[in-house]
């Protein structure tokens, strides 16, 4: 079993449908999520995360938005990780808007 998993920006994008790759409910995700934002949020949550530019998500063939390689933690599922990152992204964007 691999010691990592991949996260594509489409997983956390409000602009996507479930069929297009979104993994969480629209109420919990944001618009225009980038690889860099995901990496920073994962690192703030204590994960080891690396951006892989130029990678293509299979459900978004014409785009090479990249992906994030995240090292797994024992007892934390990919969905739980995505939920935590979505909350962190919303918190950071709210702080940025408040400035």
Protein backbone atom coordinates (compact mmCIF):
# COMPACT_ATOMS: atom_id res chain seq x y z
CA UNK A 1 0.00 0.00 0.00
CA UNK A 2 1.44 3.40 -0.92
CA UNK A 3 2.50 5.79 1.82
CA UNK A 4 0.92 8.75 0.04
CA UNK A 5 -2.16 9.90 -1.86
CA UNK A 6 -2.83 12.56 -4.45
CA UNK A 7 -5.13 15.56 -4.23
CA UNK A 8 -6.24 17.42 -7.34
CA UNK A 9 -7.70 20.95 -7.12
CA UNK A 10 -10.92 19.63 -8.68
CA UNK A 11 -11.57 17.63 -5.48
CA UNK A 12 -12.09 20.89 -3.57
CA UNK A 13 -13.60 23.11 -6.28
CA UNK A 14 -17.11 24.49 -5.96
CA UNK A 15 -17.15 24.92 -9.75
CA UNK A 16 -17.16 21.14 -10.23
CA UNK A 17 -19.93 18.59 -9.89
CA UNK A 18 -19.44 15.22 -8.22
CA UNK A 19 -19.30 13.67 -11.70
CA UNK A 20 -16.53 16.11 -12.60
CA UNK A 21 -14.47 15.08 -9.60
CA UNK A 22 -15.53 17.15 -6.60
CA UNK A 23 -15.23 15.00 -3.47
CA UNK A 24 -16.99 17.12 -0.83
CA UNK A 25 -20.38 18.89 -0.58
CA UNK A 26 -20.50 22.31 -2.24
CA UNK A 27 -21.19 23.98 1.11
CA UNK A 28 -17.73 22.99 2.35
CA UNK A 29 -15.57 23.81 -0.69
CA UNK A 30 -14.39 27.02 -2.38
CA UNK A 31 -14.07 28.45 -5.87
CA UNK A 32 -10.79 28.43 -7.76
CA UNK A 33 -8.71 26.31 -5.40
CA UNK A 34 -5.06 26.07 -6.46
CA UNK A 35 -2.35 23.49 -5.90
CA UNK A 36 -0.35 26.04 -3.92
CA UNK A 37 -3.26 26.70 -1.56
CA UNK A 38 -3.70 22.97 -0.96
CA UNK A 39 0.02 22.53 -0.23
CA UNK A 40 0.04 25.43 2.24
CA UNK A 41 -3.12 24.22 4.00
CA UNK A 42 -1.74 20.67 4.27
CA UNK A 43 1.52 21.96 5.73
CA UNK A 44 -0.34 24.13 8.26
CA UNK A 45 -2.20 20.97 9.31
CA UNK A 46 1.13 19.19 9.83
CA UNK A 47 1.23 17.02 6.71
CA UNK A 48 4.12 16.61 4.32
CA UNK A 49 2.84 17.84 0.95
CA UNK A 50 4.59 18.46 -2.35
CA UNK A 51 3.20 20.16 -5.46
CA UNK A 52 3.55 18.29 -8.74
CA UNK A 53 3.09 20.82 -11.55
CA UNK A 54 1.90 19.80 -14.98
CA UNK A 55 -0.03 16.74 -13.85
CA UNK A 56 -3.41 16.07 -15.40
CA UNK A 57 -6.56 14.97 -13.62
CA UNK A 58 -8.26 12.26 -15.67
CA UNK A 59 -11.68 13.95 -15.46
CA UNK A 60 -10.23 17.26 -16.68
CA UNK A 61 -8.36 16.18 -19.80
CA UNK A 62 -7.51 19.53 -21.42
CA UNK A 63 -6.09 21.03 -18.19
CA UNK A 64 -2.74 20.43 -16.51
CA UNK A 65 -3.52 22.12 -13.19
CA UNK A 66 -1.16 19.87 -11.24
CA UNK A 67 -1.68 17.80 -8.11
CA UNK A 68 -0.47 17.54 -4.53
CA UNK A 69 1.29 14.47 -3.17
CA UNK A 70 0.44 14.07 0.53
CA UNK A 71 2.12 11.64 2.91
CA UNK A 72 -0.46 9.52 4.72
CA UNK A 73 -0.98 9.46 8.47
CA UNK A 74 -2.15 6.42 10.39
CA UNK A 75 -5.88 6.51 11.05
CA UNK A 76 -6.65 9.46 8.75
CA UNK A 77 -8.64 8.75 5.61
CA UNK A 78 -8.34 10.73 2.41
CA UNK A 79 -11.86 12.09 2.91
CA UNK A 80 -11.04 13.23 6.46
CA UNK A 81 -7.93 14.93 5.11
CA UNK A 82 -9.95 16.68 2.38
CA UNK A 83 -12.48 17.91 4.94
CA UNK A 84 -9.71 19.31 7.14
CA UNK A 85 -8.05 21.04 4.19
CA UNK A 86 -11.38 22.54 3.08
CA UNK A 87 -11.91 24.00 6.56
CA UNK A 88 -8.36 25.36 6.62
CA UNK A 89 -8.71 26.93 3.17
CA UNK A 90 -11.97 28.62 4.18
CA UNK A 91 -10.34 29.93 7.39
CA UNK A 92 -7.33 31.35 5.53
CA UNK A 93 -9.45 32.98 2.82
CA UNK A 94 -11.73 34.51 5.46
CA UNK A 95 -8.71 35.99 7.25
CA UNK A 96 -7.41 37.37 3.95
CA UNK A 97 -10.76 38.99 3.19
CA UNK A 98 -10.91 40.54 6.66
CA UNK A 99 -7.64 42.40 6.15
